[in-house]
């Protein structure tokens, strides 16, 4: 084990914590390694025990170390081995913190109340037959009316990742190349590795995936293109109608991948402030569009809608019949109620306004401090930092947790953190001050 005292360049709580973080990142400190005691390291560095104690608190706050009382402090071992590799970086830490901006989850206070909906639908959901249509007619009609284009077929599944997984199962074969956004959503990368696919990263600008880079990527003959049309995770960027049209035209013009299937993950749906958009408006026969209701109506509803070419949707539905069969019709009735009940509709509209206000508020506060970010939609934004690990540790010392940017990056990892702006309700100036300082750390 490399000596911690020799690695410390600045004998402050942040300097000590940053040095230990670098040792953990490099592997010089391994999971389970015991750290020197506070008094021992303080004596080696010539500082007070309180200085080292504050460094340990910062490291514990971001889940890098754990205290076991009299046994000492240890480098954290991964407690969630059941999670896929990159998903582990999104799971958050077990330790409490003052303000957790790492989760990528909606503000619970902005979700509609489910109790009234349960009471209204309890007697209306039919649960007797295994052979009924997998989507209740009233929900399918409502989904079709609200879809950004006219799909051949629509079904519902158990959340956006379930939709992506089942779509990849019928579209992607082992060894296929698949275009992904860079940065993008880590579980998408995990899914593609599970299916044995090869990722082709395509960079973004403030309007989403870049057409010129997509055109270049299509020369590698990908079978699928995965993108997030609105509130892209982690950047919060949304496609404009013009950018959506440009991307569709690039696909149509391609001599190598003009028949590539586009998988669109509209995960933020109703809480996105940007207009609904899809490449399916121009190439409907090649788009599977997914709309999730988890961030708008509640993650535990586990419902997302999927629409696209009948041939692909029917194959997906048929395969699902041999597994879960269908998404609970009781939950479908409940979702239909939430999408049509005036009070629930009004609540979602207010949540959409609140998230937009929080995005604008933090963006303006950061701009006043010299950190100018592209416009962001939904609940997340992508903050550039000089040193990812140092920024995370410095923010943890201030009681703020953010998500490391590396798991989101398909290439050139480092240099960013993801901030869940949707959880910033108060103290915007204080949060902006800490984020701006951390970006320069």
Protein backbone atom coordinates (compact mmCIF):
# COMPACT_ATOMS: atom_id res chain seq x y z
CA UNK A 1 0.00 0.00 0.00
CA UNK A 2 1.36 3.40 -0.96
CA UNK A 3 1.90 5.77 1.96
CA UNK A 4 -0.95 8.27 2.22
CA UNK A 5 1.23 10.91 3.85
CA UNK A 6 3.63 10.86 0.90
CA UNK A 7 0.74 11.33 -1.55
CA UNK A 8 -0.73 14.40 0.18
CA UNK A 9 0.19 17.60 -1.64
CA UNK A 10 -1.89 20.02 0.45
CA UNK A 11 -2.41 19.50 4.19
CA UNK A 12 -6.03 20.68 4.31
CA UNK A 13 -9.13 18.49 4.67
CA UNK A 14 -9.77 18.80 0.92
CA UNK A 15 -6.13 18.14 0.03
CA UNK A 16 -5.95 15.03 2.22
CA UNK A 17 -9.28 13.71 0.94
CA UNK A 18 -8.28 14.35 -2.68
CA UNK A 19 -5.00 12.47 -2.20
CA UNK A 20 -6.77 9.44 -0.74
CA UNK A 21 -9.36 9.57 -3.53
CA UNK A 22 -6.58 9.50 -6.13
CA UNK A 23 -5.00 6.50 -4.44
CA UNK A 24 -8.32 4.66 -4.52
CA UNK A 25 -8.93 5.55 -8.16
CA UNK A 26 -5.45 4.39 -9.19
CA UNK A 27 -5.77 1.11 -7.28
CA UNK A 28 -2.94 1.89 -4.83
CA UNK A 29 -5.64 1.60 -2.17
CA UNK A 30 -7.83 -1.44 -2.79
CA UNK A 31 -11.39 -2.17 -1.59
CA UNK A 32 -11.19 -3.35 2.01
CA UNK A 33 -7.79 -1.79 2.77
CA UNK A 34 -7.55 -0.40 6.30
CA UNK A 35 -6.62 3.29 6.52
CA UNK A 36 -4.31 4.77 9.15
CA UNK A 37 -6.02 6.13 12.22
CA UNK A 38 -6.89 9.80 12.37
CA UNK A 39 -4.24 10.43 15.04
CA UNK A 40 -1.59 8.42 13.19
CA UNK A 41 -2.03 10.30 9.89
CA UNK A 42 -2.35 13.65 11.69
CA UNK A 43 1.02 13.03 13.37
CA UNK A 44 2.66 12.05 10.07
CA UNK A 45 1.33 15.18 8.34
CA UNK A 46 1.86 17.54 11.27
CA UNK A 47 -1.78 18.66 11.41
CA UNK A 48 -4.53 18.43 14.01
CA UNK A 49 -6.67 15.28 14.24
CA UNK A 50 -9.69 17.45 13.37
CA UNK A 51 -8.18 18.19 9.95
CA UNK A 52 -7.86 14.48 9.11
CA UNK A 53 -11.27 13.77 10.62
CA UNK A 54 -12.88 16.30 8.25
CA UNK A 55 -11.12 14.65 5.29
CA UNK A 56 -12.42 11.24 6.39
CA UNK A 57 -15.95 12.67 6.65
CA UNK A 58 -15.74 13.98 3.07
CA UNK A 59 -14.52 10.61 1.78
CA UNK A 60 -17.24 8.79 3.69
CA UNK A 61 -19.84 11.18 2.30
CA UNK A 62 -19.08 10.11 -1.27
CA UNK A 63 -18.88 6.44 -0.38
CA UNK A 64 -15.14 5.99 -0.85
CA UNK A 65 -14.43 4.88 2.72
CA UNK A 66 -16.45 3.48 5.60
CA UNK A 67 -15.90 3.73 9.36
CA UNK A 68 -16.25 0.58 11.47
CA UNK A 69 -15.92 2.15 14.89
CA UNK A 70 -12.95 0.91 16.91
CA UNK A 71 -11.90 -1.35 14.04
CA UNK A 72 -10.93 1.74 12.05
CA UNK A 73 -11.74 3.18 8.62
CA UNK A 74 -11.57 1.14 5.42
CA UNK A 75 -11.76 1.65 1.67
CA UNK A 76 -15.37 0.92 0.73
CA UNK A 77 -16.14 -2.43 -0.83
CA UNK A 78 -18.93 -2.57 -3.39
CA UNK A 79 -22.07 -3.52 -1.42
CA UNK A 80 -24.28 -4.00 -4.48
CA UNK A 81 -22.69 -6.69 -6.60
CA UNK A 82 -26.11 -7.63 -8.00
CA UNK A 83 -26.12 -4.41 -10.02
CA UNK A 84 -24.65 -4.31 -13.57
CA UNK A 85 -21.19 -2.67 -13.75
CA UNK A 86 -22.05 0.90 -14.78
CA UNK A 87 -25.35 0.89 -12.92
CA UNK A 88 -23.35 0.59 -9.70
CA UNK A 89 -22.11 4.13 -10.25
CA UNK A 90 -25.70 5.40 -10.34
CA UNK A 91 -26.97 3.61 -7.27
CA UNK A 92 -25.93 6.32 -4.85
CA UNK A 93 -24.21 5.74 -1.51
CA UNK A 94 -25.65 4.44 1.70
CA UNK A 95 -24.41 7.35 3.80
CA UNK A 96 -26.71 10.29 4.39
CA UNK A 97 -25.75 13.68 3.04
CA UNK A 98 -27.18 17.17 3.33
CA UNK A 99 -28.14 17.49 -0.35
CA UNK A 100 -28.05 14.50 -2.69
CA UNK A 101 -27.83 15.68 -6.31
CA UNK A 102 -26.49 12.35 -7.58
CA UNK A 103 -29.64 10.29 -7.96
CA UNK A 104 -31.14 11.28 -11.32
CA UNK A 105 -34.56 10.72 -9.76
CA UNK A 106 -37.57 13.04 -9.59
CA UNK A 107 -38.45 15.12 -6.56
CA UNK A 108 -40.98 13.01 -4.58
CA UNK A 109 -42.88 16.18 -3.70
CA UNK A 110 -43.59 16.79 -7.39
CA UNK A 111 -45.08 13.34 -8.07
CA UNK A 112 -48.89 13.09 -8.16
CA UNK A 113 -50.62 11.42 -5.22
CA UNK A 114 -51.39 7.78 -6.05
CA UNK A 115 -53.88 7.15 -3.24
CA UNK A 116 -56.86 8.87 -4.90
CA UNK A 117 -56.13 7.07 -8.17
CA UNK A 118 -56.00 3.70 -6.39
CA UNK A 119 -59.36 4.34 -4.78
CA UNK A 120 -60.95 5.33 -8.10
CA UNK A 121 -59.68 2.36 -10.13
CA UNK A 122 -59.87 -0.47 -7.59
CA UNK A 123 -63.10 -1.82 -9.03
CA UNK A 124 -62.41 -1.20 -12.72
CA UNK A 125 -59.39 -3.35 -13.52
CA UNK A 126 -60.09 -6.75 -15.05
CA UNK A 127 -57.62 -9.42 -13.94
CA UNK A 128 -59.36 -12.63 -14.95
CA UNK A 129 -57.94 -13.53 -18.37
CA UNK A 130 -54.50 -14.53 -19.63
CA UNK A 131 -55.57 -13.99 -23.24
CA UNK A 132 -56.92 -10.42 -23.25
CA UNK A 133 -55.11 -7.78 -25.25
CA UNK A 134 -51.90 -6.76 -23.40
CA UNK A 135 -52.91 -3.08 -23.49
CA UNK A 136 -56.29 -1.91 -22.24
CA UNK A 137 -58.15 -0.15 -25.11
CA UNK A 138 -58.69 3.19 -23.38
CA UNK A 139 -55.00 3.53 -22.54
CA UNK A 140 -53.92 2.54 -26.06
CA UNK A 141 -56.27 5.13 -27.56
CA UNK A 142 -54.93 7.83 -25.26
CA UNK A 143 -51.31 6.91 -26.05
CA UNK A 144 -51.92 6.96 -29.79
CA UNK A 145 -53.51 10.43 -29.57
CA UNK A 146 -50.50 11.80 -27.68
CA UNK A 147 -47.76 10.06 -29.72
CA UNK A 148 -45.38 12.37 -31.64
CA UNK A 149 -46.18 10.50 -34.89
CA UNK A 150 -48.62 7.80 -36.02
CA UNK A 151 -47.19 4.40 -35.00
CA UNK A 152 -48.35 1.11 -36.48
CA UNK A 153 -48.58 -0.53 -33.06
CA UNK A 154 -48.37 0.45 -29.39
CA UNK A 155 -47.79 -1.64 -26.29
CA UNK A 156 -46.84 -1.07 -22.66
CA UNK A 157 -43.98 -2.63 -20.70
CA UNK A 158 -42.43 -2.37 -17.25
CA UNK A 159 -40.43 0.84 -17.57
CA UNK A 160 -38.06 2.37 -20.10
CA UNK A 161 -35.18 -0.03 -19.45
CA UNK A 162 -37.53 -2.98 -19.90
CA UNK A 163 -38.55 -1.46 -23.24
CA UNK A 164 -34.94 -0.92 -24.29
CA UNK A 165 -33.91 -4.40 -23.22
CA UNK A 166 -36.76 -6.09 -25.10
CA UNK A 167 -36.25 -3.92 -28.17
CA UNK A 168 -32.55 -4.77 -28.24
CA UNK A 169 -33.42 -8.43 -27.87
CA UNK A 170 -35.21 -8.38 -31.22
CA UNK A 171 -33.00 -5.84 -33.03
CA UNK A 172 -29.42 -6.41 -31.84
CA UNK A 173 -27.40 -9.57 -32.45
CA UNK A 174 -24.06 -10.57 -30.97
CA UNK A 175 -21.28 -8.59 -32.63
CA UNK A 176 -23.58 -5.93 -34.11
CA UNK A 177 -22.48 -2.31 -34.00
CA UNK A 178 -24.83 0.12 -32.26
CA UNK A 179 -24.62 3.93 -32.25
CA UNK A 180 -24.87 5.48 -28.77
CA UNK A 181 -24.78 9.02 -27.45
CA UNK A 182 -21.54 10.13 -25.83
CA UNK A 183 -22.10 10.91 -23.02
CA UNK A 184 -25.07 8.60 -22.54
CA UNK A 185 -26.98 6.59 -19.96
CA UNK A 186 -24.73 3.93 -18.34
CA UNK A 187 -27.36 1.14 -18.19
CA UNK A 188 -27.68 1.40 -21.99
CA UNK A 189 -23.97 0.63 -22.22
CA UNK A 190 -24.44 -2.30 -19.82
CA UNK A 191 -27.32 -3.63 -21.91
CA UNK A 192 -25.30 -3.51 -25.11
CA UNK A 193 -22.44 -5.37 -23.45
CA UNK A 194 -24.95 -7.98 -22.27
CA UNK A 195 -26.08 -8.51 -25.87
CA UNK A 196 -22.49 -8.63 -27.12
CA UNK A 197 -22.85 -5.48 -29.23
CA UNK A 198 -20.08 -3.03 -30.11
CA UNK A 199 -20.75 0.60 -29.22
CA UNK A 200 -20.11 3.43 -31.67
CA UNK A 201 -19.99 6.65 -29.61
CA UNK A 202 -21.38 9.81 -31.23
CA UNK A 203 -20.86 13.18 -29.58
CA UNK A 204 -23.48 15.80 -28.74
CA UNK A 205 -23.83 19.54 -28.98
CA UNK A 206 -26.41 21.75 -27.28
CA UNK A 207 -29.18 20.31 -29.51
CA UNK A 208 -28.31 16.64 -29.00
CA UNK A 209 -26.63 14.10 -31.27
CA UNK A 210 -24.53 15.77 -33.98
CA UNK A 211 -25.60 14.93 -37.57
CA UNK A 212 -22.06 15.12 -38.96
CA UNK A 213 -20.76 12.64 -36.40
CA UNK A 214 -23.75 10.35 -36.94
CA UNK A 215 -23.06 10.37 -40.68
CA UNK A 216 -19.50 9.29 -40.01
CA UNK A 217 -20.62 6.59 -37.57
CA UNK A 218 -23.07 5.12 -40.09
CA UNK A 219 -20.17 4.17 -42.37
CA UNK A 220 -19.47 1.40 -39.81
CA UNK A 221 -22.85 -0.19 -40.72
CA UNK A 222 -24.60 -0.17 -37.33
CA UNK A 223 -27.86 -2.09 -36.98
CA UNK A 224 -29.31 0.28 -34.38
CA UNK A 225 -29.08 3.85 -33.09
CA UNK A 226 -29.99 4.57 -29.46
CA UNK A 227 -30.82 8.15 -28.51
CA UNK A 228 -32.75 10.17 -25.95
CA UNK A 229 -34.84 12.79 -27.75
CA UNK A 230 -35.61 14.93 -24.68
CA UNK A 231 -33.92 15.76 -21.37
CA UNK A 232 -30.96 13.59 -22.35
CA UNK A 233 -29.35 11.85 -19.40
CA UNK A 234 -26.83 13.08 -18.28
CA UNK A 235 -26.72 16.40 -20.17
CA UNK A 236 -30.36 17.50 -20.04
CA UNK A 237 -30.25 18.45 -23.74
CA UNK A 238 -33.26 18.00 -26.03
CA UNK A 239 -33.54 17.57 -29.79
CA UNK A 240 -35.18 20.38 -31.69
CA UNK A 241 -37.59 19.48 -34.48
CA UNK A 242 -34.97 20.65 -36.98
CA UNK A 243 -32.23 18.50 -35.43
CA UNK A 244 -34.57 15.50 -35.40
CA UNK A 245 -35.25 16.02 -39.10
CA UNK A 246 -31.53 16.37 -39.85
CA UNK A 247 -30.73 13.10 -38.08
CA UNK A 248 -33.51 11.30 -39.95
CA UNK A 249 -32.20 12.62 -43.26
CA UNK A 250 -28.67 11.44 -42.42
CA UNK A 251 -30.05 7.94 -41.88
CA UNK A 252 -32.09 8.03 -45.08
CA UNK A 253 -29.06 9.18 -47.11
CA UNK A 254 -26.71 6.56 -45.71
CA UNK A 255 -25.41 3.98 -48.17
CA UNK A 256 -24.38 1.74 -45.29
CA UNK A 257 -27.14 1.90 -42.65
CA UNK A 258 -30.27 3.35 -44.26
CA UNK A 259 -32.34 0.59 -42.59
CA UNK A 260 -30.86 0.97 -39.08
CA UNK A 261 -33.49 0.83 -36.32
CA UNK A 262 -33.69 3.90 -34.07
CA UNK A 263 -34.47 3.25 -30.39
CA UNK A 264 -35.72 6.46 -28.79
CA UNK A 265 -35.84 6.65 -25.00
CA UNK A 266 -38.14 9.53 -24.02
CA UNK A 267 -37.64 8.80 -20.32
CA UNK A 268 -38.74 12.16 -18.93
CA UNK A 269 -41.90 12.48 -21.02
CA UNK A 270 -44.44 14.69 -19.34
CA UNK A 271 -41.97 16.64 -17.18
CA UNK A 272 -39.90 17.74 -20.16
CA UNK A 273 -40.39 21.40 -21.00
CA UNK A 274 -39.45 20.87 -24.66
CA UNK A 275 -41.94 19.85 -27.37
CA UNK A 276 -42.41 16.15 -28.06
CA UNK A 277 -40.16 15.11 -30.95
CA UNK A 278 -39.26 11.89 -32.75
CA UNK A 279 -37.35 10.76 -35.82
CA UNK A 280 -40.45 8.65 -36.45
CA UNK A 281 -42.06 11.75 -37.96
CA UNK A 282 -39.79 11.21 -40.98
CA UNK A 283 -38.84 7.52 -40.81
CA UNK A 284 -41.72 5.81 -38.97
CA UNK A 285 -40.82 2.36 -40.27
CA UNK A 286 -37.44 2.49 -38.52
CA UNK A 287 -38.25 3.96 -35.11
CA UNK A 288 -39.21 2.30 -31.84
CA UNK A 289 -40.22 5.22 -29.63
CA UNK A 290 -40.37 4.70 -25.86
CA UNK A 291 -42.17 6.98 -23.45
CA UNK A 292 -41.70 6.38 -19.74
CA UNK A 293 -43.99 7.61 -16.96
CA UNK A 294 -41.58 6.89 -14.11
CA UNK A 295 -40.14 10.38 -13.68
CA UNK A 296 -43.46 12.12 -14.13
CA UNK A 297 -45.88 9.83 -12.27
CA UNK A 298 -43.70 7.64 -10.07
CA UNK A 299 -40.78 5.21 -10.54
CA UNK A 300 -42.67 2.40 -8.81
CA UNK A 301 -45.48 2.42 -11.37
CA UNK A 302 -42.98 0.65 -13.69
CA UNK A 303 -44.84 1.58 -16.87
CA UNK A 304 -43.53 2.76 -20.21
CA UNK A 305 -45.23 2.79 -23.61
CA UNK A 306 -43.53 1.62 -26.78
CA UNK A 307 -44.70 2.32 -30.31
CA UNK A 308 -43.37 1.62 -33.78
CA UNK A 309 -43.55 -0.77 -36.73
CA UNK A 310 -46.10 -3.54 -36.16
CA UNK A 311 -43.65 -6.26 -37.17
CA UNK A 312 -41.20 -5.26 -34.41
CA UNK A 313 -43.79 -4.47 -31.74
CA UNK A 314 -45.68 -7.73 -32.36
CA UNK A 315 -42.46 -9.73 -31.99
CA UNK A 316 -41.73 -7.93 -28.74
CA UNK A 317 -45.25 -8.60 -27.41
CA UNK A 318 -45.09 -12.27 -28.44
CA UNK A 319 -41.78 -12.77 -26.64
CA UNK A 320 -43.16 -11.06 -23.56
CA UNK A 321 -46.13 -13.41 -23.46
CA UNK A 322 -43.62 -16.17 -22.67
CA UNK A 323 -42.30 -14.18 -19.70
CA UNK A 324 -44.29 -11.70 -17.61
CA UNK A 325 -47.15 -11.86 -20.14
CA UNK A 326 -48.32 -8.28 -19.79
CA UNK A 327 -48.01 -5.21 -17.61
CA UNK A 328 -50.60 -5.31 -14.84
CA UNK A 329 -53.91 -4.11 -16.24
CA UNK A 330 -54.71 -2.67 -12.84
CA UNK A 331 -51.65 -0.42 -13.17
CA UNK A 332 -52.67 0.42 -16.74
CA UNK A 333 -56.10 1.56 -15.53
CA UNK A 334 -54.36 3.59 -12.84
CA UNK A 335 -52.04 5.24 -15.38
CA UNK A 336 -55.01 6.08 -17.60
CA UNK A 337 -56.70 7.66 -14.60
CA UNK A 338 -53.60 9.73 -13.80
CA UNK A 339 -53.32 10.86 -17.42
CA UNK A 340 -56.94 12.02 -17.57
CA UNK A 341 -57.82 13.15 -14.03
CA UNK A 342 -57.80 16.99 -14.06
CA UNK A 343 -56.10 17.26 -10.67
CA UNK A 344 -53.31 14.86 -11.69
CA UNK A 345 -52.86 16.55 -15.07
CA UNK A 346 -52.58 19.92 -13.33
CA UNK A 347 -50.08 18.49 -10.83
CA UNK A 348 -47.83 17.21 -13.63
CA UNK A 349 -48.01 20.57 -15.41
CA UNK A 350 -46.90 22.27 -12.20
CA UNK A 351 -44.04 19.76 -11.79
CA UNK A 352 -42.92 20.51 -15.34
CA UNK A 353 -42.87 24.24 -14.57
CA UNK A 354 -41.02 23.64 -11.30
CA UNK A 355 -38.26 21.59 -12.93
CA UNK A 356 -37.87 24.17 -15.67
CA UNK A 357 -37.65 26.95 -13.07
CA UNK A 358 -35.02 25.02 -11.11
CA UNK A 359 -32.95 24.46 -14.25
CA UNK A 360 -33.10 28.13 -15.20
CA UNK A 361 -32.41 29.28 -11.63
CA UNK A 362 -29.28 27.19 -11.18
CA UNK A 363 -28.06 27.95 -14.72
CA UNK A 364 -28.33 31.70 -14.10
CA UNK A 365 -26.64 31.42 -10.70
CA UNK A 366 -23.76 29.46 -12.23
CA UNK A 367 -23.43 31.93 -15.11
CA UNK A 368 -23.01 34.75 -12.57
CA UNK A 369 -20.05 32.76 -11.25
CA UNK A 370 -18.45 32.22 -14.65
CA UNK A 371 -19.79 28.72 -15.36
CA UNK A 372 -21.91 28.89 -18.52
CA UNK A 373 -23.79 25.70 -19.44
CA UNK A 374 -25.87 24.82 -22.51
CA UNK A 375 -29.64 24.90 -21.89
CA UNK A 376 -30.84 21.83 -19.99
CA UNK A 377 -34.27 20.20 -19.80
CA UNK A 378 -35.74 17.77 -17.28
CA UNK A 379 -33.96 17.08 -14.02
CA UNK A 380 -30.23 16.76 -14.83
CA UNK A 381 -27.38 18.90 -16.09
CA UNK A 382 -23.77 18.15 -17.07
CA UNK A 383 -21.14 20.18 -15.26
CA UNK A 384 -17.56 20.39 -16.61
CA UNK A 385 -14.89 20.11 -13.91
CA UNK A 386 -11.12 20.36 -13.92
CA UNK A 387 -10.76 17.14 -11.88
CA UNK A 388 -13.72 14.80 -11.49
CA UNK A 389 -12.64 13.09 -8.28
CA UNK A 390 -11.44 16.29 -6.64
CA UNK A 391 -14.75 18.00 -7.49
CA UNK A 392 -16.76 15.13 -5.99
CA UNK A 393 -14.72 15.15 -2.80
CA UNK A 394 -14.87 18.93 -2.43
CA UNK A 395 -18.64 18.93 -2.86
CA UNK A 396 -18.98 16.08 -0.37
CA UNK A 397 -17.08 18.18 2.17
CA UNK A 398 -19.79 20.82 1.65
CA UNK A 399 -22.54 18.22 2.15
CA UNK A 400 -23.44 17.92 -1.56
CA UNK A 401 -23.31 14.66 -3.49
CA UNK A 402 -23.15 14.55 -7.31
CA UNK A 403 -22.69 11.66 -9.74
CA UNK A 404 -19.29 10.94 -11.25
CA UNK A 405 -19.23 11.63 -14.98
CA UNK A 406 -17.03 8.69 -16.01
CA UNK A 407 -19.76 5.98 -16.09
CA UNK A 408 -21.75 8.13 -18.55
CA UNK A 409 -18.90 8.51 -21.03
CA UNK A 410 -18.39 6.03 -23.85
CA UNK A 411 -15.00 7.56 -24.67
CA UNK A 412 -12.54 10.05 -23.12
CA UNK A 413 -13.74 9.57 -19.51
CA UNK A 414 -13.36 12.32 -16.94
CA UNK A 415 -13.89 16.05 -16.78
CA UNK A 416 -17.58 16.11 -15.85
CA UNK A 417 -20.10 15.38 -13.10
CA UNK A 418 -23.85 14.97 -13.41
CA UNK A 419 -25.99 17.20 -11.21
CA UNK A 420 -29.64 16.38 -10.52
CA UNK A 421 -30.90 19.95 -10.64
CA UNK A 422 -34.46 18.76 -10.06
CA UNK A 423 -33.60 18.28 -6.38
CA UNK A 424 -32.35 21.88 -5.90
CA UNK A 425 -35.36 23.47 -4.20
CA UNK A 426 -33.74 26.09 -1.97
CA UNK A 427 -30.38 27.80 -1.45
CA UNK A 428 -29.73 28.03 -5.20
CA UNK A 429 -26.96 30.59 -4.74
CA UNK A 430 -25.18 28.45 -2.14
CA UNK A 431 -25.41 25.36 -4.35
CA UNK A 432 -24.15 27.32 -7.37
CA UNK A 433 -21.25 28.73 -5.33
CA UNK A 434 -20.18 25.22 -4.29
CA UNK A 435 -20.60 23.80 -7.80
CA UNK A 436 -18.64 26.64 -9.37
CA UNK A 437 -15.81 26.24 -6.85
CA UNK A 438 -15.75 22.48 -7.39
CA UNK A 439 -15.64 22.89 -11.15
CA UNK A 440 -12.30 24.65 -10.73
CA UNK A 441 -10.91 22.27 -8.06
